């Protein structure tokens, strides 16, 4: 397996209940790169994240997705995770009866494979180190997964999972949603600590403020189920200052969405 990962999305079309949401998405994310997708509500951004991870609600009707040359669309959800795809969800689920530490150790061992399990001491050392960086109380290790967590705690927990699992491609779906400035800085610190040629990052966000702390290499504007404009960090700054109307006017896009929340 190549050290530097590559996620390639070509002409991806996705529908929900026979309504087309994604209408030809093209994107390539390489190791060491951070891509940010921005766009108005209802344009299909979160649909892209869910479809990449294989959510059963989303029907891929056309296009290709490959990770390191392997066909992602032929993989089951767990196979995508083992191949190195990771999704930090906008609304993480609560799982009663399963502690954070048990969940993470099981996930790491599933990825490493039988006979190559992580030792308990190494796991504890790594988890303690990552939790300290994220300013998480040590009690989080023994709490049930996301149960009773605040919004900010859930988002930190998602970043902890990313740091422990060390994915090849990390998809962060609005991890800044609902965070105060201090929590935002901590989440950004966790993401930045993972920045390397061995991981590519795709950030879905509405706001420039996250990108003040996680500097993207590329910014993409998402409208009507596809990427309509790409640029560097300065594109996000202009979107924050001027909104999306200038993009619509420049490209002759009608003011409409594709029917989804994000």
C-alpha atoms as a PDB file:
ATOM      1  CA  UNK A   1       0.000   0.000   0.000  1.00  0.00           C
ATOM      2  CA  UNK A   2       1.266   3.448  -0.918  1.00  0.00           C
ATOM      3  CA  UNK A   3       2.256   5.636   2.031  1.00  0.00           C
ATOM      4  CA  UNK A   4       0.451   8.616   0.549  1.00  0.00           C
ATOM      5  CA  UNK A   5      -3.304   7.963   0.196  1.00  0.00           C
ATOM      6  CA  UNK A   6      -5.490   9.126  -2.659  1.00  0.00           C
ATOM      7  CA  UNK A   7      -9.286   9.466  -2.663  1.00  0.00           C
ATOM      8  CA  UNK A   8     -10.697   9.974  -6.149  1.00  0.00           C
ATOM      9  CA  UNK A   9     -14.338  10.911  -6.790  1.00  0.00           C
ATOM     10  CA  UNK A  10     -15.466  11.020 -10.412  1.00  0.00           C
ATOM     11  CA  UNK A  11     -18.902  12.144 -11.658  1.00  0.00           C
ATOM     12  CA  UNK A  12     -20.647  10.902  -8.508  1.00  0.00           C
ATOM     13  CA  UNK A  13     -24.449  10.863  -8.609  1.00  0.00           C
ATOM     14  CA  UNK A  14     -26.471  10.028  -5.497  1.00  0.00           C
ATOM     15  CA  UNK A  15     -30.222   9.864  -4.905  1.00  0.00           C
ATOM     16  CA  UNK A  16     -32.533   9.527  -1.909  1.00  0.00           C
ATOM     17  CA  UNK A  17     -35.980   8.044  -2.530  1.00  0.00           C
ATOM     18  CA  UNK A  18     -35.389   8.514  -6.274  1.00  0.00           C
ATOM     19  CA  UNK A  19     -34.644  12.234  -5.831  1.00  0.00           C
ATOM     20  CA  UNK A  20     -31.200  13.120  -7.163  1.00  0.00           C
ATOM     21  CA  UNK A  21     -29.100  14.982  -4.592  1.00  0.00           C
ATOM     22  CA  UNK A  22     -25.553  14.760  -5.932  1.00  0.00           C
ATOM     23  CA  UNK A  23     -25.359  15.627  -9.607  1.00  0.00           C
ATOM     24  CA  UNK A  24     -21.839  14.831 -10.730  1.00  0.00           C
ATOM     25  CA  UNK A  25     -19.264  15.463  -7.997  1.00  0.00           C
ATOM     26  CA  UNK A  26     -15.601  15.449  -9.016  1.00  0.00           C
ATOM     27  CA  UNK A  27     -12.873  15.703  -6.386  1.00  0.00           C
ATOM     28  CA  UNK A  28      -9.444  14.291  -5.588  1.00  0.00           C
ATOM     29  CA  UNK A  29      -7.951  14.344  -2.092  1.00  0.00           C
ATOM     30  CA  UNK A  30      -4.336  13.293  -1.585  1.00  0.00           C
ATOM     31  CA  UNK A  31      -2.363  12.614   1.554  1.00  0.00           C
ATOM     32  CA  UNK A  32      -1.051  15.797   3.150  1.00  0.00           C
ATOM     33  CA  UNK A  33      -3.866  17.899   1.679  1.00  0.00           C
ATOM     34  CA  UNK A  34      -6.741  19.571   3.495  1.00  0.00           C
ATOM     35  CA  UNK A  35      -9.798  20.323   1.364  1.00  0.00           C
ATOM     36  CA  UNK A  36     -12.712  22.412   2.617  1.00  0.00           C
ATOM     37  CA  UNK A  37     -16.199  22.200   1.111  1.00  0.00           C
ATOM     38  CA  UNK A  38     -18.453  25.183   1.754  1.00  0.00           C
ATOM     39  CA  UNK A  39     -21.928  25.959   0.493  1.00  0.00           C
ATOM     40  CA  UNK A  40     -25.455  27.004   1.441  1.00  0.00           C
ATOM     41  CA  UNK A  41     -27.813  24.679   3.296  1.00  0.00           C
ATOM     42  CA  UNK A  42     -29.528  22.079   1.171  1.00  0.00           C
ATOM     43  CA  UNK A  43     -26.874  21.691  -1.512  1.00  0.00           C
ATOM     44  CA  UNK A  44     -25.780  18.121  -0.735  1.00  0.00           C
ATOM     45  CA  UNK A  45     -22.581  18.542   1.308  1.00  0.00           C
ATOM     46  CA  UNK A  46     -23.465  16.099   4.080  1.00  0.00           C
ATOM     47  CA  UNK A  47     -24.984  13.746   1.512  1.00  0.00           C
ATOM     48  CA  UNK A  48     -21.521  13.490  -0.005  1.00  0.00           C
ATOM     49  CA  UNK A  49     -20.000  12.525   3.355  1.00  0.00           C
ATOM     50  CA  UNK A  50     -22.672   9.901   4.069  1.00  0.00           C
ATOM     51  CA  UNK A  51     -22.515   8.421   0.572  1.00  0.00           C
ATOM     52  CA  UNK A  52     -18.732   8.066   0.762  1.00  0.00           C
ATOM     53  CA  UNK A  53     -19.088   6.040   3.967  1.00  0.00           C
ATOM     54  CA  UNK A  54     -21.847   3.839   2.513  1.00  0.00           C
ATOM     55  CA  UNK A  55     -24.928   4.983   4.435  1.00  0.00           C
ATOM     56  CA  UNK A  56     -27.741   2.671   3.255  1.00  0.00           C
ATOM     57  CA  UNK A  57     -30.186   5.530   2.786  1.00  0.00           C
ATOM     58  CA  UNK A  58     -28.169   6.919  -0.115  1.00  0.00           C
ATOM     59  CA  UNK A  59     -28.369   5.282  -3.536  1.00  0.00           C
ATOM     60  CA  UNK A  60     -25.323   5.801  -5.756  1.00  0.00           C
ATOM     61  CA  UNK A  61     -26.692   5.955  -9.300  1.00  0.00           C
ATOM     62  CA  UNK A  62     -23.516   6.820 -11.177  1.00  0.00           C
ATOM     63  CA  UNK A  63     -19.835   7.653 -10.977  1.00  0.00           C
ATOM     64  CA  UNK A  64     -16.758   6.207  -9.310  1.00  0.00           C
ATOM     65  CA  UNK A  65     -15.070   6.478  -5.919  1.00  0.00           C
ATOM     66  CA  UNK A  66     -11.663   4.908  -5.352  1.00  0.00           C
ATOM     67  CA  UNK A  67      -9.283   4.889  -2.394  1.00  0.00           C
ATOM     68  CA  UNK A  68      -5.719   4.017  -3.356  1.00  0.00           C
ATOM     69  CA  UNK A  69      -7.097   2.564  -6.584  1.00  0.00           C
ATOM     70  CA  UNK A  70      -9.618   0.298  -4.836  1.00  0.00           C
ATOM     71  CA  UNK A  71     -13.340   0.591  -5.630  1.00  0.00           C
ATOM     72  CA  UNK A  72     -14.940   2.119  -2.529  1.00  0.00           C
ATOM     73  CA  UNK A  73     -18.479   1.686  -3.827  1.00  0.00           C
ATOM     74  CA  UNK A  74     -18.044  -2.093  -3.840  1.00  0.00           C
ATOM     75  CA  UNK A  75     -17.081  -2.106  -0.146  1.00  0.00           C
ATOM     76  CA  UNK A  76     -19.370  -2.585   2.838  1.00  0.00           C
ATOM     77  CA  UNK A  77     -19.306   0.148   5.507  1.00  0.00           C
ATOM     78  CA  UNK A  78     -16.888  -1.752   7.753  1.00  0.00           C
ATOM     79  CA  UNK A  79     -14.612  -2.479   4.802  1.00  0.00           C
ATOM     80  CA  UNK A  80     -14.449   1.235   3.980  1.00  0.00           C
ATOM     81  CA  UNK A  81     -13.421   1.960   7.563  1.00  0.00           C
ATOM     82  CA  UNK A  82     -10.745  -0.748   7.524  1.00  0.00           C
ATOM     83  CA  UNK A  83      -9.464   0.578   4.191  1.00  0.00           C
ATOM     84  CA  UNK A  84      -8.837   3.916   5.902  1.00  0.00           C
ATOM     85  CA  UNK A  85     -11.948   6.068   5.448  1.00  0.00           C
ATOM     86  CA  UNK A  86     -13.158   7.900   8.553  1.00  0.00           C
ATOM     87  CA  UNK A  87     -16.200  10.110   9.100  1.00  0.00           C
ATOM     88  CA  UNK A  88     -16.531  12.525  12.018  1.00  0.00           C
ATOM     89  CA  UNK A  89     -20.292  12.909  12.012  1.00  0.00           C
ATOM     90  CA  UNK A  90     -22.338  16.054  12.415  1.00  0.00           C
ATOM     91  CA  UNK A  91     -24.604  14.289  14.926  1.00  0.00           C
ATOM     92  CA  UNK A  92     -22.691  11.402  16.598  1.00  0.00           C
ATOM     93  CA  UNK A  93     -24.850   8.600  17.990  1.00  0.00           C
ATOM     94  CA  UNK A  94     -25.044   7.613  21.636  1.00  0.00           C
ATOM     95  CA  UNK A  95     -24.244   3.970  22.424  1.00  0.00           C
ATOM     96  CA  UNK A  96     -25.238   2.863  25.912  1.00  0.00           C
ATOM     97  CA  UNK A  97     -23.289   0.053  27.552  1.00  0.00           C
ATOM     98  CA  UNK A  98     -20.117   0.509  25.476  1.00  0.00           C
ATOM     99  CA  UNK A  99     -17.347   2.641  26.964  1.00  0.00           C
ATOM    100  CA  UNK A 100     -15.221   4.959  24.884  1.00  0.00           C
ATOM    101  CA  UNK A 101     -12.096   2.926  25.590  1.00  0.00           C
ATOM    102  CA  UNK A 102     -13.736  -0.425  24.720  1.00  0.00           C
ATOM    103  CA  UNK A 103     -15.168   1.003  21.505  1.00  0.00           C
ATOM    104  CA  UNK A 104     -11.854   2.490  20.413  1.00  0.00           C
ATOM    105  CA  UNK A 105      -9.772  -0.562  21.246  1.00  0.00           C
ATOM    106  CA  UNK A 106     -12.204  -2.816  19.381  1.00  0.00           C
ATOM    107  CA  UNK A 107     -12.161  -0.498  16.361  1.00  0.00           C
ATOM    108  CA  UNK A 108      -8.356  -0.344  16.334  1.00  0.00           C
ATOM    109  CA  UNK A 109      -8.048  -4.132  16.588  1.00  0.00           C
ATOM    110  CA  UNK A 110     -10.612  -4.654  13.819  1.00  0.00           C
ATOM    111  CA  UNK A 111      -8.495  -2.440  11.585  1.00  0.00           C
ATOM    112  CA  UNK A 112      -5.192  -4.094  12.588  1.00  0.00           C
ATOM    113  CA  UNK A 113      -6.524  -7.617  12.087  1.00  0.00           C
ATOM    114  CA  UNK A 114      -6.349 -10.870  14.031  1.00  0.00           C
ATOM    115  CA  UNK A 115      -2.931 -11.597  15.483  1.00  0.00           C
ATOM    116  CA  UNK A 116      -1.870  -7.945  15.301  1.00  0.00           C
ATOM    117  CA  UNK A 117      -3.973  -6.512  18.136  1.00  0.00           C
ATOM    118  CA  UNK A 118      -2.718  -3.479  20.035  1.00  0.00           C
ATOM    119  CA  UNK A 119      -1.443  -4.249  23.533  1.00  0.00           C
ATOM    120  CA  UNK A 120      -3.509  -2.902  26.415  1.00  0.00           C
ATOM    121  CA  UNK A 121      -0.641  -0.810  27.810  1.00  0.00           C
ATOM    122  CA  UNK A 122       0.187   0.748  24.442  1.00  0.00           C
ATOM    123  CA  UNK A 123      -3.492   1.528  23.881  1.00  0.00           C
ATOM    124  CA  UNK A 124      -3.830   3.183  27.299  1.00  0.00           C
ATOM    125  CA  UNK A 125      -0.673   5.276  26.774  1.00  0.00           C
ATOM    126  CA  UNK A 126      -1.818   6.457  23.345  1.00  0.00           C
ATOM    127  CA  UNK A 127      -5.350   7.254  24.485  1.00  0.00           C
ATOM    128  CA  UNK A 128      -4.138   9.159  27.562  1.00  0.00           C
ATOM    129  CA  UNK A 129      -1.784  11.217  25.392  1.00  0.00           C
ATOM    130  CA  UNK A 130      -4.472  12.086  22.838  1.00  0.00           C
ATOM    131  CA  UNK A 131      -7.047  12.931  25.523  1.00  0.00           C
ATOM    132  CA  UNK A 132      -4.570  15.258  27.198  1.00  0.00           C
ATOM    133  CA  UNK A 133      -3.974  17.100  23.919  1.00  0.00           C
ATOM    134  CA  UNK A 134      -7.737  17.468  23.454  1.00  0.00           C
ATOM    135  CA  UNK A 135      -8.149  18.637  27.075  1.00  0.00           C
ATOM    136  CA  UNK A 136     -10.543  15.776  27.841  1.00  0.00           C
ATOM    137  CA  UNK A 137     -11.081  14.567  31.395  1.00  0.00           C
ATOM    138  CA  UNK A 138      -9.695  11.059  31.947  1.00  0.00           C
ATOM    139  CA  UNK A 139     -13.194   9.950  33.019  1.00  0.00           C
ATOM    140  CA  UNK A 140     -14.251  10.113  29.357  1.00  0.00           C
ATOM    141  CA  UNK A 141     -12.429   6.817  28.782  1.00  0.00           C
ATOM    142  CA  UNK A 142     -14.899   4.912  30.969  1.00  0.00           C
ATOM    143  CA  UNK A 143     -18.065   6.785  30.023  1.00  0.00           C
ATOM    144  CA  UNK A 144     -20.493   5.195  27.592  1.00  0.00           C
ATOM    145  CA  UNK A 145     -19.978   6.306  24.006  1.00  0.00           C
ATOM    146  CA  UNK A 146     -21.401   9.841  23.658  1.00  0.00           C
ATOM    147  CA  UNK A 147     -24.065   9.140  26.302  1.00  0.00           C
ATOM    148  CA  UNK A 148     -24.920  12.364  28.099  1.00  0.00           C
ATOM    149  CA  UNK A 149     -22.180  14.223  26.241  1.00  0.00           C
ATOM    150  CA  UNK A 150     -22.642  17.877  25.352  1.00  0.00           C
ATOM    151  CA  UNK A 151     -22.338  18.870  21.703  1.00  0.00           C
ATOM    152  CA  UNK A 152     -18.776  20.035  22.240  1.00  0.00           C
ATOM    153  CA  UNK A 153     -17.833  16.830  24.075  1.00  0.00           C
ATOM    154  CA  UNK A 154     -19.192  14.731  21.224  1.00  0.00           C
ATOM    155  CA  UNK A 155     -17.131  16.680  18.694  1.00  0.00           C
ATOM    156  CA  UNK A 156     -13.943  16.276  20.747  1.00  0.00           C
ATOM    157  CA  UNK A 157     -14.721  12.582  21.021  1.00  0.00           C
ATOM    158  CA  UNK A 158     -14.983  12.330  17.237  1.00  0.00           C
ATOM    159  CA  UNK A 159     -11.541  13.925  16.888  1.00  0.00           C
ATOM    160  CA  UNK A 160     -10.184  11.558  19.561  1.00  0.00           C
ATOM    161  CA  UNK A 161     -11.450   8.643  17.478  1.00  0.00           C
ATOM    162  CA  UNK A 162      -9.750  10.050  14.388  1.00  0.00           C
ATOM    163  CA  UNK A 163      -6.458  10.496  16.250  1.00  0.00           C
ATOM    164  CA  UNK A 164      -6.551   6.947  17.626  1.00  0.00           C
ATOM    165  CA  UNK A 165      -7.656   5.240  14.404  1.00  0.00           C
ATOM    166  CA  UNK A 166      -5.200   7.154  12.170  1.00  0.00           C
ATOM    167  CA  UNK A 167      -7.281   7.010   8.961  1.00  0.00           C
ATOM    168  CA  UNK A 168      -5.900   7.533   5.478  1.00  0.00           C
ATOM    169  CA  UNK A 169      -8.730   9.898   4.543  1.00  0.00           C
ATOM    170  CA  UNK A 170     -10.672  11.771   7.249  1.00  0.00           C
ATOM    171  CA  UNK A 171     -14.031  13.369   6.427  1.00  0.00           C
ATOM    172  CA  UNK A 172     -15.106  15.965   8.990  1.00  0.00           C
ATOM    173  CA  UNK A 173     -18.778  16.850   8.601  1.00  0.00           C
ATOM    174  CA  UNK A 174     -19.449  20.180  10.346  1.00  0.00           C
ATOM    175  CA  UNK A 175     -17.328  19.345  13.392  1.00  0.00           C
ATOM    176  CA  UNK A 176     -17.382  23.059  14.217  1.00  0.00           C
ATOM    177  CA  UNK A 177     -21.172  23.169  14.529  1.00  0.00           C
ATOM    178  CA  UNK A 178     -22.236  24.428  17.954  1.00  0.00           C
ATOM    179  CA  UNK A 179     -18.701  24.814  19.320  1.00  0.00           C
ATOM    180  CA  UNK A 180     -17.610  27.824  21.344  1.00  0.00           C
ATOM    181  CA  UNK A 181     -14.271  29.384  20.453  1.00  0.00           C
ATOM    182  CA  UNK A 182     -12.270  27.473  23.070  1.00  0.00           C
ATOM    183  CA  UNK A 183     -13.649  24.094  21.994  1.00  0.00           C
ATOM    184  CA  UNK A 184     -13.109  25.053  18.361  1.00  0.00           C
ATOM    185  CA  UNK A 185      -9.425  25.725  19.026  1.00  0.00           C
ATOM    186  CA  UNK A 186      -9.020  22.367  20.776  1.00  0.00           C
ATOM    187  CA  UNK A 187     -10.695  20.479  17.919  1.00  0.00           C
ATOM    188  CA  UNK A 188      -8.489  22.314  15.415  1.00  0.00           C
ATOM    189  CA  UNK A 189      -5.392  21.458  17.474  1.00  0.00           C
ATOM    190  CA  UNK A 190      -6.306  17.785  17.254  1.00  0.00           C
ATOM    191  CA  UNK A 191      -6.764  17.919  13.477  1.00  0.00           C
ATOM    192  CA  UNK A 192      -3.557  19.886  12.949  1.00  0.00           C
ATOM    193  CA  UNK A 193      -1.599  17.400  15.072  1.00  0.00           C
ATOM    194  CA  UNK A 194      -2.532  14.702  12.538  1.00  0.00           C
ATOM    195  CA  UNK A 195      -1.521  16.660   9.445  1.00  0.00           C
ATOM    196  CA  UNK A 196       0.935  14.554   7.445  1.00  0.00           C
ATOM    197  CA  UNK A 197       1.475  13.040   3.982  1.00  0.00           C
ATOM    198  CA  UNK A 198      -0.123   9.851   5.333  1.00  0.00           C
ATOM    199  CA  UNK A 199      -3.586  11.401   5.757  1.00  0.00           C
ATOM    200  CA  UNK A 200      -5.829  13.545   3.591  1.00  0.00           C
ATOM    201  CA  UNK A 201      -8.656  15.599   5.123  1.00  0.00           C
ATOM    202  CA  UNK A 202     -12.002  16.702   3.712  1.00  0.00           C
ATOM    203  CA  UNK A 203     -13.725  19.331   5.876  1.00  0.00           C
ATOM    204  CA  UNK A 204     -17.387  20.197   5.340  1.00  0.00           C
ATOM    205  CA  UNK A 205     -18.252  23.492   6.984  1.00  0.00           C
ATOM    206  CA  UNK A 206     -20.477  26.548   6.719  1.00  0.00           C
ATOM    207  CA  UNK A 207     -18.081  28.937   8.359  1.00  0.00           C
ATOM    208  CA  UNK A 208     -14.700  30.504   7.749  1.00  0.00           C
ATOM    209  CA  UNK A 209     -13.934  30.530  11.490  1.00  0.00           C
ATOM    210  CA  UNK A 210     -12.835  26.861  11.552  1.00  0.00           C
ATOM    211  CA  UNK A 211     -10.533  27.542   8.615  1.00  0.00           C
ATOM    212  CA  UNK A 212      -8.834  30.269  10.637  1.00  0.00           C
ATOM    213  CA  UNK A 213      -7.403  27.470  12.767  1.00  0.00           C
ATOM    214  CA  UNK A 214      -7.162  24.639  10.220  1.00  0.00           C
ATOM    215  CA  UNK A 215      -5.551  26.134   7.127  1.00  0.00           C
ATOM    216  CA  UNK A 216      -6.962  24.427   4.013  1.00  0.00           C
ATOM    217  CA  UNK A 217      -4.960  23.878   0.852  1.00  0.00           C
ATOM    218  CA  UNK A 218      -8.096  23.938  -1.293  1.00  0.00           C
ATOM    219  CA  UNK A 219     -11.582  25.404  -0.846  1.00  0.00           C
ATOM    220  CA  UNK A 220     -14.538  24.191  -2.930  1.00  0.00           C
ATOM    221  CA  UNK A 221     -17.968  25.803  -3.294  1.00  0.00           C
ATOM    222  CA  UNK A 222     -20.798  23.268  -3.340  1.00  0.00           C
ATOM    223  CA  UNK A 223     -24.095  24.188  -5.005  1.00  0.00           C
ATOM    224  CA  UNK A 224     -26.908  22.213  -6.597  1.00  0.00           C
ATOM    225  CA  UNK A 225     -25.294  18.891  -5.780  1.00  0.00           C
ATOM    226  CA  UNK A 226     -21.828  19.482  -7.183  1.00  0.00           C
ATOM    227  CA  UNK A 227     -18.639  21.513  -6.865  1.00  0.00           C
ATOM    228  CA  UNK A 228     -19.049  24.689  -8.895  1.00  0.00           C
ATOM    229  CA  UNK A 229     -15.922  26.634  -7.939  1.00  0.00           C
ATOM    230  CA  UNK A 230     -12.532  25.872  -6.364  1.00  0.00           C
ATOM    231  CA  UNK A 231      -9.684  27.979  -5.048  1.00  0.00           C
ATOM    232  CA  UNK A 232      -7.343  28.527  -2.136  1.00  0.00           C
ATOM    233  CA  UNK A 233      -7.957  29.825   1.412  1.00  0.00           C
ATOM    234  CA  UNK A 234      -8.774  33.261   0.044  1.00  0.00           C
ATOM    235  CA  UNK A 235     -11.961  31.830  -1.489  1.00  0.00           C
ATOM    236  CA  UNK A 236     -13.290  30.954   1.988  1.00  0.00           C
ATOM    237  CA  UNK A 237     -12.466  34.458   3.196  1.00  0.00           C
ATOM    238  CA  UNK A 238     -14.430  36.015   0.350  1.00  0.00           C
ATOM    239  CA  UNK A 239     -17.401  33.713   0.982  1.00  0.00           C
ATOM    240  CA  UNK A 240     -17.399  34.742   4.640  1.00  0.00           C
ATOM    241  CA  UNK A 241     -17.293  38.421   3.719  1.00  0.00           C
ATOM    242  CA  UNK A 242     -19.693  38.447   0.760  1.00  0.00           C
ATOM    243  CA  UNK A 243     -21.830  35.296   1.000  1.00  0.00           C
ATOM    244  CA  UNK A 244     -22.681  33.104  -1.988  1.00  0.00           C
ATOM    245  CA  UNK A 245     -24.635  35.489  -4.209  1.00  0.00           C
ATOM    246  CA  UNK A 246     -21.546  36.545  -6.152  1.00  0.00           C
ATOM    247  CA  UNK A 247     -20.793  32.908  -6.987  1.00  0.00           C
ATOM    248  CA  UNK A 248     -24.355  32.358  -8.206  1.00  0.00           C
ATOM    249  CA  UNK A 249     -24.200  35.520 -10.293  1.00  0.00           C
ATOM    250  CA  UNK A 250     -20.771  34.700 -11.699  1.00  0.00           C
ATOM    251  CA  UNK A 251     -21.831  31.190 -12.742  1.00  0.00           C
ATOM    252  CA  UNK A 252     -25.454  31.935 -13.612  1.00  0.00           C
ATOM    253  CA  UNK A 253     -26.823  29.609 -10.919  1.00  0.00           C
ATOM    254  CA  UNK A 254     -30.460  29.861  -9.930  1.00  0.00           C
ATOM    255  CA  UNK A 255     -31.171  30.374  -6.218  1.00  0.00           C
ATOM    256  CA  UNK A 256     -32.366  26.901  -5.344  1.00  0.00           C
ATOM    257  CA  UNK A 257     -31.256  23.885  -3.331  1.00  0.00           C
ATOM    258  CA  UNK A 258     -31.423  20.163  -4.001  1.00  0.00           C
ATOM    259  CA  UNK A 259     -33.782  19.446  -1.128  1.00  0.00           C
ATOM    260  CA  UNK A 260     -31.487  18.273   1.664  1.00  0.00           C
ATOM    261  CA  UNK A 261     -30.512  19.986   4.897  1.00  0.00           C
ATOM    262  CA  UNK A 262     -26.845  20.003   3.998  1.00  0.00           C
END
